[in-house]
């Protein structure tokens, strides 16, 4: 009988945090690792941000079934290349996409998911988008980094929020999600 190897839960969590810290450090000053899922829409990346259990993976899965390309779920890197173009780079888990996923796509939009009524798609200011990311724990490994390593990530988040439209998307029914996404610039 083949014996399966698995790490103790505590060690597995430590390894995941180490990987996320390494990803965050790799893009420091030129990006950040977001607690987000991502899809492509109109040839650009759309990040879905929400607290744990907030519907990021569900939204990506629903839209994937409806013809959108899923870039990733759980954690997604946004990084500025040497060409000064911000790109979405999938990392960590990637559950639904069959076949080859793109290495990266240009960032287009940030979407903060909320469940509830009334269903809406509302544009928000860059300042409010930055606040939601930085104060609602939307960056992976951010709090695990020393303060001097957080500053470049904050700067990247503020630049991303100034450079791309951000929305709150509130929905209660899955079938409404696609029509609301189509309202994004």
C-alpha atoms as a PDB file:
ATOM      1  CA  UNK A   1       0.000   0.000   0.000  1.00  0.00           C
ATOM      2  CA  UNK A   2       1.280   3.443  -0.987  1.00  0.00           C
ATOM      3  CA  UNK A   3       1.847   5.761   1.936  1.00  0.00           C
ATOM      4  CA  UNK A   4       0.712   9.365   1.510  1.00  0.00           C
ATOM      5  CA  UNK A   5       2.869  12.183   2.798  1.00  0.00           C
ATOM      6  CA  UNK A   6       1.297  15.259   4.295  1.00  0.00           C
ATOM      7  CA  UNK A   7       2.661  18.065   6.360  1.00  0.00           C
ATOM      8  CA  UNK A   8       1.217  18.811   9.765  1.00  0.00           C
ATOM      9  CA  UNK A   9      -1.321  21.648   9.511  1.00  0.00           C
ATOM     10  CA  UNK A  10       0.893  24.124  11.398  1.00  0.00           C
ATOM     11  CA  UNK A  11       3.864  23.452   9.095  1.00  0.00           C
ATOM     12  CA  UNK A  12       1.654  23.746   6.013  1.00  0.00           C
ATOM     13  CA  UNK A  13       0.412  27.167   7.162  1.00  0.00           C
ATOM     14  CA  UNK A  14       3.998  28.303   7.862  1.00  0.00           C
ATOM     15  CA  UNK A  15       5.096  27.216   4.372  1.00  0.00           C
ATOM     16  CA  UNK A  16       2.172  29.015   2.702  1.00  0.00           C
ATOM     17  CA  UNK A  17       2.958  32.220   4.619  1.00  0.00           C
ATOM     18  CA  UNK A  18       6.631  31.937   3.626  1.00  0.00           C
ATOM     19  CA  UNK A  19       5.677  31.581  -0.040  1.00  0.00           C
ATOM     20  CA  UNK A  20       3.327  34.565   0.151  1.00  0.00           C
ATOM     21  CA  UNK A  21       5.972  36.691   1.879  1.00  0.00           C
ATOM     22  CA  UNK A  22       8.440  35.744  -0.868  1.00  0.00           C
ATOM     23  CA  UNK A  23       5.905  36.714  -3.557  1.00  0.00           C
ATOM     24  CA  UNK A  24       5.203  40.017  -1.795  1.00  0.00           C
ATOM     25  CA  UNK A  25       8.912  40.778  -1.506  1.00  0.00           C
ATOM     26  CA  UNK A  26       9.494  39.848  -5.157  1.00  0.00           C
ATOM     27  CA  UNK A  27       7.136  42.583  -6.366  1.00  0.00           C
ATOM     28  CA  UNK A  28       7.892  45.079  -3.612  1.00  0.00           C
ATOM     29  CA  UNK A  29       7.855  48.609  -4.967  1.00  0.00           C
ATOM     30  CA  UNK A  30       6.444  47.409  -8.289  1.00  0.00           C
ATOM     31  CA  UNK A  31       3.269  45.669  -7.160  1.00  0.00           C
ATOM     32  CA  UNK A  32       1.509  43.645  -4.505  1.00  0.00           C
ATOM     33  CA  UNK A  33      -0.029  40.226  -3.855  1.00  0.00           C
ATOM     34  CA  UNK A  34      -3.780  40.647  -3.491  1.00  0.00           C
ATOM     35  CA  UNK A  35      -6.247  38.381  -1.705  1.00  0.00           C
ATOM     36  CA  UNK A  36      -8.308  38.264  -4.868  1.00  0.00           C
ATOM     37  CA  UNK A  37      -9.622  36.174  -7.709  1.00  0.00           C
ATOM     38  CA  UNK A  38      -9.229  37.409 -11.277  1.00  0.00           C
ATOM     39  CA  UNK A  39     -10.876  37.030 -14.669  1.00  0.00           C
ATOM     40  CA  UNK A  40     -10.357  38.576 -18.082  1.00  0.00           C
ATOM     41  CA  UNK A  41     -12.999  40.990 -19.346  1.00  0.00           C
ATOM     42  CA  UNK A  42     -12.596  42.922 -22.596  1.00  0.00           C
ATOM     43  CA  UNK A  43      -8.994  41.595 -22.840  1.00  0.00           C
ATOM     44  CA  UNK A  44      -8.040  43.065 -19.447  1.00  0.00           C
ATOM     45  CA  UNK A  45      -7.733  41.679 -15.941  1.00  0.00           C
ATOM     46  CA  UNK A  46     -10.471  42.250 -13.390  1.00  0.00           C
ATOM     47  CA  UNK A  47      -9.621  41.653  -9.738  1.00  0.00           C
ATOM     48  CA  UNK A  48     -12.378  40.577  -7.360  1.00  0.00           C
ATOM     49  CA  UNK A  49     -11.598  41.629  -3.797  1.00  0.00           C
ATOM     50  CA  UNK A  50     -13.593  40.592  -0.731  1.00  0.00           C
ATOM     51  CA  UNK A  51     -12.992  39.232   2.754  1.00  0.00           C
ATOM     52  CA  UNK A  52     -12.620  35.468   3.183  1.00  0.00           C
ATOM     53  CA  UNK A  53     -15.922  33.862   2.268  1.00  0.00           C
ATOM     54  CA  UNK A  54     -16.970  37.016   0.409  1.00  0.00           C
ATOM     55  CA  UNK A  55     -17.547  35.358  -2.969  1.00  0.00           C
ATOM     56  CA  UNK A  56     -14.274  35.897  -4.877  1.00  0.00           C
ATOM     57  CA  UNK A  57     -13.907  32.294  -6.016  1.00  0.00           C
ATOM     58  CA  UNK A  58     -17.639  31.909  -6.540  1.00  0.00           C
ATOM     59  CA  UNK A  59     -17.794  35.012  -8.751  1.00  0.00           C
ATOM     60  CA  UNK A  60     -14.841  33.775 -10.827  1.00  0.00           C
ATOM     61  CA  UNK A  61     -16.421  30.323 -11.182  1.00  0.00           C
ATOM     62  CA  UNK A  62     -19.830  31.713 -12.205  1.00  0.00           C
ATOM     63  CA  UNK A  63     -18.244  34.005 -14.771  1.00  0.00           C
ATOM     64  CA  UNK A  64     -15.950  31.202 -15.979  1.00  0.00           C
ATOM     65  CA  UNK A  65     -18.997  29.054 -16.701  1.00  0.00           C
ATOM     66  CA  UNK A  66     -20.454  32.025 -18.601  1.00  0.00           C
ATOM     67  CA  UNK A  67     -17.517  32.427 -20.982  1.00  0.00           C
ATOM     68  CA  UNK A  68     -15.080  34.641 -19.079  1.00  0.00           C
ATOM     69  CA  UNK A  69     -11.517  33.400 -18.727  1.00  0.00           C
ATOM     70  CA  UNK A  70     -10.459  32.705 -15.148  1.00  0.00           C
ATOM     71  CA  UNK A  71      -6.960  33.885 -14.302  1.00  0.00           C
ATOM     72  CA  UNK A  72      -6.869  32.694 -10.719  1.00  0.00           C
ATOM     73  CA  UNK A  73      -8.404  32.650  -7.311  1.00  0.00           C
ATOM     74  CA  UNK A  74      -7.300  33.218  -3.747  1.00  0.00           C
ATOM     75  CA  UNK A  75      -4.150  35.236  -4.434  1.00  0.00           C
ATOM     76  CA  UNK A  76      -3.195  37.268  -7.458  1.00  0.00           C
ATOM     77  CA  UNK A  77      -0.097  39.333  -8.146  1.00  0.00           C
ATOM     78  CA  UNK A  78      -0.417  42.775  -9.722  1.00  0.00           C
ATOM     79  CA  UNK A  79       2.967  43.996 -10.896  1.00  0.00           C
ATOM     80  CA  UNK A  80       4.324  46.820 -13.017  1.00  0.00           C
ATOM     81  CA  UNK A  81       6.684  45.564 -15.699  1.00  0.00           C
ATOM     82  CA  UNK A  82       9.810  47.269 -16.979  1.00  0.00           C
ATOM     83  CA  UNK A  83       7.536  48.654 -19.723  1.00  0.00           C
ATOM     84  CA  UNK A  84       5.497  50.431 -16.972  1.00  0.00           C
ATOM     85  CA  UNK A  85       2.381  48.376 -17.725  1.00  0.00           C
ATOM     86  CA  UNK A  86       0.482  46.961 -14.729  1.00  0.00           C
ATOM     87  CA  UNK A  87      -0.310  43.272 -15.208  1.00  0.00           C
ATOM     88  CA  UNK A  88      -2.353  40.646 -13.390  1.00  0.00           C
ATOM     89  CA  UNK A  89      -0.274  37.525 -12.783  1.00  0.00           C
ATOM     90  CA  UNK A  90      -2.099  34.501 -11.371  1.00  0.00           C
ATOM     91  CA  UNK A  91      -0.517  32.649  -8.459  1.00  0.00           C
ATOM     92  CA  UNK A  92      -1.448  30.172  -5.731  1.00  0.00           C
ATOM     93  CA  UNK A  93      -4.557  28.074  -6.406  1.00  0.00           C
ATOM     94  CA  UNK A  94      -6.166  27.974  -9.794  1.00  0.00           C
ATOM     95  CA  UNK A  95      -9.053  25.568  -9.717  1.00  0.00           C
ATOM     96  CA  UNK A  96     -11.386  25.812 -12.661  1.00  0.00           C
ATOM     97  CA  UNK A  97      -9.640  26.631 -15.875  1.00  0.00           C
ATOM     98  CA  UNK A  98      -9.053  23.685 -18.185  1.00  0.00           C
ATOM     99  CA  UNK A  99      -6.091  24.070 -20.464  1.00  0.00           C
ATOM    100  CA  UNK A 100      -3.414  26.724 -20.460  1.00  0.00           C
ATOM    101  CA  UNK A 101      -3.978  29.952 -18.588  1.00  0.00           C
ATOM    102  CA  UNK A 102      -2.307  33.155 -19.761  1.00  0.00           C
ATOM    103  CA  UNK A 103       0.931  34.122 -18.038  1.00  0.00           C
ATOM    104  CA  UNK A 104      -0.435  37.616 -17.463  1.00  0.00           C
ATOM    105  CA  UNK A 105      -2.897  40.190 -18.777  1.00  0.00           C
ATOM    106  CA  UNK A 106      -3.016  43.970 -18.479  1.00  0.00           C
ATOM    107  CA  UNK A 107      -4.878  45.141 -15.404  1.00  0.00           C
ATOM    108  CA  UNK A 108      -8.179  46.825 -16.171  1.00  0.00           C
ATOM    109  CA  UNK A 109     -10.382  47.106 -13.093  1.00  0.00           C
ATOM    110  CA  UNK A 110     -10.673  46.478  -9.360  1.00  0.00           C
ATOM    111  CA  UNK A 111     -14.031  45.164  -8.119  1.00  0.00           C
ATOM    112  CA  UNK A 112     -14.947  44.976  -4.439  1.00  0.00           C
ATOM    113  CA  UNK A 113     -17.604  42.293  -4.008  1.00  0.00           C
ATOM    114  CA  UNK A 114     -20.466  42.600  -1.558  1.00  0.00           C
ATOM    115  CA  UNK A 115     -23.412  40.286  -1.067  1.00  0.00           C
ATOM    116  CA  UNK A 116     -26.820  41.845  -0.571  1.00  0.00           C
ATOM    117  CA  UNK A 117     -29.426  44.299  -1.833  1.00  0.00           C
ATOM    118  CA  UNK A 118     -29.844  46.503  -3.714  1.00  0.00           C
ATOM    119  CA  UNK A 119     -27.800  44.930  -6.480  1.00  0.00           C
ATOM    120  CA  UNK A 120     -25.528  47.554  -7.970  1.00  0.00           C
ATOM    121  CA  UNK A 121     -22.317  48.412  -9.714  1.00  0.00           C
ATOM    122  CA  UNK A 122     -20.995  51.698  -8.350  1.00  0.00           C
ATOM    123  CA  UNK A 123     -17.726  53.415  -9.160  1.00  0.00           C
ATOM    124  CA  UNK A 124     -15.672  54.442  -6.123  1.00  0.00           C
ATOM    125  CA  UNK A 125     -12.833  56.915  -5.652  1.00  0.00           C
ATOM    126  CA  UNK A 126      -9.162  55.886  -5.704  1.00  0.00           C
ATOM    127  CA  UNK A 127      -8.838  56.997  -2.071  1.00  0.00           C
ATOM    128  CA  UNK A 128     -11.715  54.764  -0.960  1.00  0.00           C
ATOM    129  CA  UNK A 129     -10.384  51.837  -3.028  1.00  0.00           C
ATOM    130  CA  UNK A 130      -6.944  52.224  -1.397  1.00  0.00           C
ATOM    131  CA  UNK A 131      -8.565  52.384   2.027  1.00  0.00           C
ATOM    132  CA  UNK A 132     -10.530  49.189   1.418  1.00  0.00           C
ATOM    133  CA  UNK A 133      -7.443  47.322   0.245  1.00  0.00           C
ATOM    134  CA  UNK A 134      -5.125  48.498   2.997  1.00  0.00           C
ATOM    135  CA  UNK A 135      -7.569  48.425   5.918  1.00  0.00           C
ATOM    136  CA  UNK A 136      -9.718  45.428   5.063  1.00  0.00           C
ATOM    137  CA  UNK A 137      -6.777  43.001   4.804  1.00  0.00           C
ATOM    138  CA  UNK A 138      -6.886  42.595   1.013  1.00  0.00           C
ATOM    139  CA  UNK A 139      -3.118  42.138   0.629  1.00  0.00           C
ATOM    140  CA  UNK A 140      -1.598  38.718   1.162  1.00  0.00           C
ATOM    141  CA  UNK A 141       1.220  38.501   3.732  1.00  0.00           C
ATOM    142  CA  UNK A 142       1.109  42.288   4.226  1.00  0.00           C
ATOM    143  CA  UNK A 143       0.783  42.107   8.008  1.00  0.00           C
ATOM    144  CA  UNK A 144       3.511  39.431   8.158  1.00  0.00           C
ATOM    145  CA  UNK A 145       6.066  41.838   6.677  1.00  0.00           C
ATOM    146  CA  UNK A 146       8.158  44.260   8.722  1.00  0.00           C
ATOM    147  CA  UNK A 147       6.910  47.871   8.543  1.00  0.00           C
ATOM    148  CA  UNK A 148       9.787  48.982   6.282  1.00  0.00           C
ATOM    149  CA  UNK A 149       8.681  46.374   3.700  1.00  0.00           C
ATOM    150  CA  UNK A 150       5.022  47.457   3.874  1.00  0.00           C
ATOM    151  CA  UNK A 151       5.653  51.015   2.693  1.00  0.00           C
ATOM    152  CA  UNK A 152       6.506  50.076  -0.938  1.00  0.00           C
ATOM    153  CA  UNK A 153       3.385  47.888  -1.071  1.00  0.00           C
ATOM    154  CA  UNK A 154       1.213  50.770   0.182  1.00  0.00           C
ATOM    155  CA  UNK A 155       2.719  53.011  -2.509  1.00  0.00           C
ATOM    156  CA  UNK A 156       1.984  50.404  -5.195  1.00  0.00           C
ATOM    157  CA  UNK A 157      -1.610  49.994  -3.991  1.00  0.00           C
ATOM    158  CA  UNK A 158      -2.192  53.754  -4.084  1.00  0.00           C
ATOM    159  CA  UNK A 159      -0.716  53.996  -7.602  1.00  0.00           C
ATOM    160  CA  UNK A 160      -2.844  51.074  -8.819  1.00  0.00           C
ATOM    161  CA  UNK A 161      -5.993  52.653  -7.358  1.00  0.00           C
ATOM    162  CA  UNK A 162      -5.202  56.024  -8.983  1.00  0.00           C
ATOM    163  CA  UNK A 163      -4.513  54.357 -12.343  1.00  0.00           C
ATOM    164  CA  UNK A 164      -7.512  52.014 -12.701  1.00  0.00           C
ATOM    165  CA  UNK A 165     -11.252  52.303 -12.123  1.00  0.00           C
ATOM    166  CA  UNK A 166     -12.598  50.670  -8.981  1.00  0.00           C
ATOM    167  CA  UNK A 167     -16.143  49.545  -8.295  1.00  0.00           C
ATOM    168  CA  UNK A 168     -18.323  48.082  -5.606  1.00  0.00           C
ATOM    169  CA  UNK A 169     -20.352  45.237  -7.077  1.00  0.00           C
ATOM    170  CA  UNK A 170     -23.194  44.157  -4.817  1.00  0.00           C
ATOM    171  CA  UNK A 171     -25.224  41.157  -5.833  1.00  0.00           C
ATOM    172  CA  UNK A 172     -27.529  38.593  -4.294  1.00  0.00           C
ATOM    173  CA  UNK A 173     -28.385  36.386  -7.263  1.00  0.00           C
ATOM    174  CA  UNK A 174     -25.776  34.650  -9.389  1.00  0.00           C
ATOM    175  CA  UNK A 175     -27.564  35.383 -12.646  1.00  0.00           C
ATOM    176  CA  UNK A 176     -27.244  39.130 -12.000  1.00  0.00           C
ATOM    177  CA  UNK A 177     -23.454  38.940 -11.701  1.00  0.00           C
ATOM    178  CA  UNK A 178     -22.756  38.705 -15.450  1.00  0.00           C
ATOM    179  CA  UNK A 179     -24.968  41.644 -16.359  1.00  0.00           C
ATOM    180  CA  UNK A 180     -23.356  43.798 -13.658  1.00  0.00           C
ATOM    181  CA  UNK A 181     -19.827  42.854 -14.841  1.00  0.00           C
ATOM    182  CA  UNK A 182     -20.774  43.900 -18.367  1.00  0.00           C
ATOM    183  CA  UNK A 183     -21.360  47.418 -16.983  1.00  0.00           C
ATOM    184  CA  UNK A 184     -17.634  47.814 -16.208  1.00  0.00           C
ATOM    185  CA  UNK A 185     -15.688  50.197 -18.473  1.00  0.00           C
END
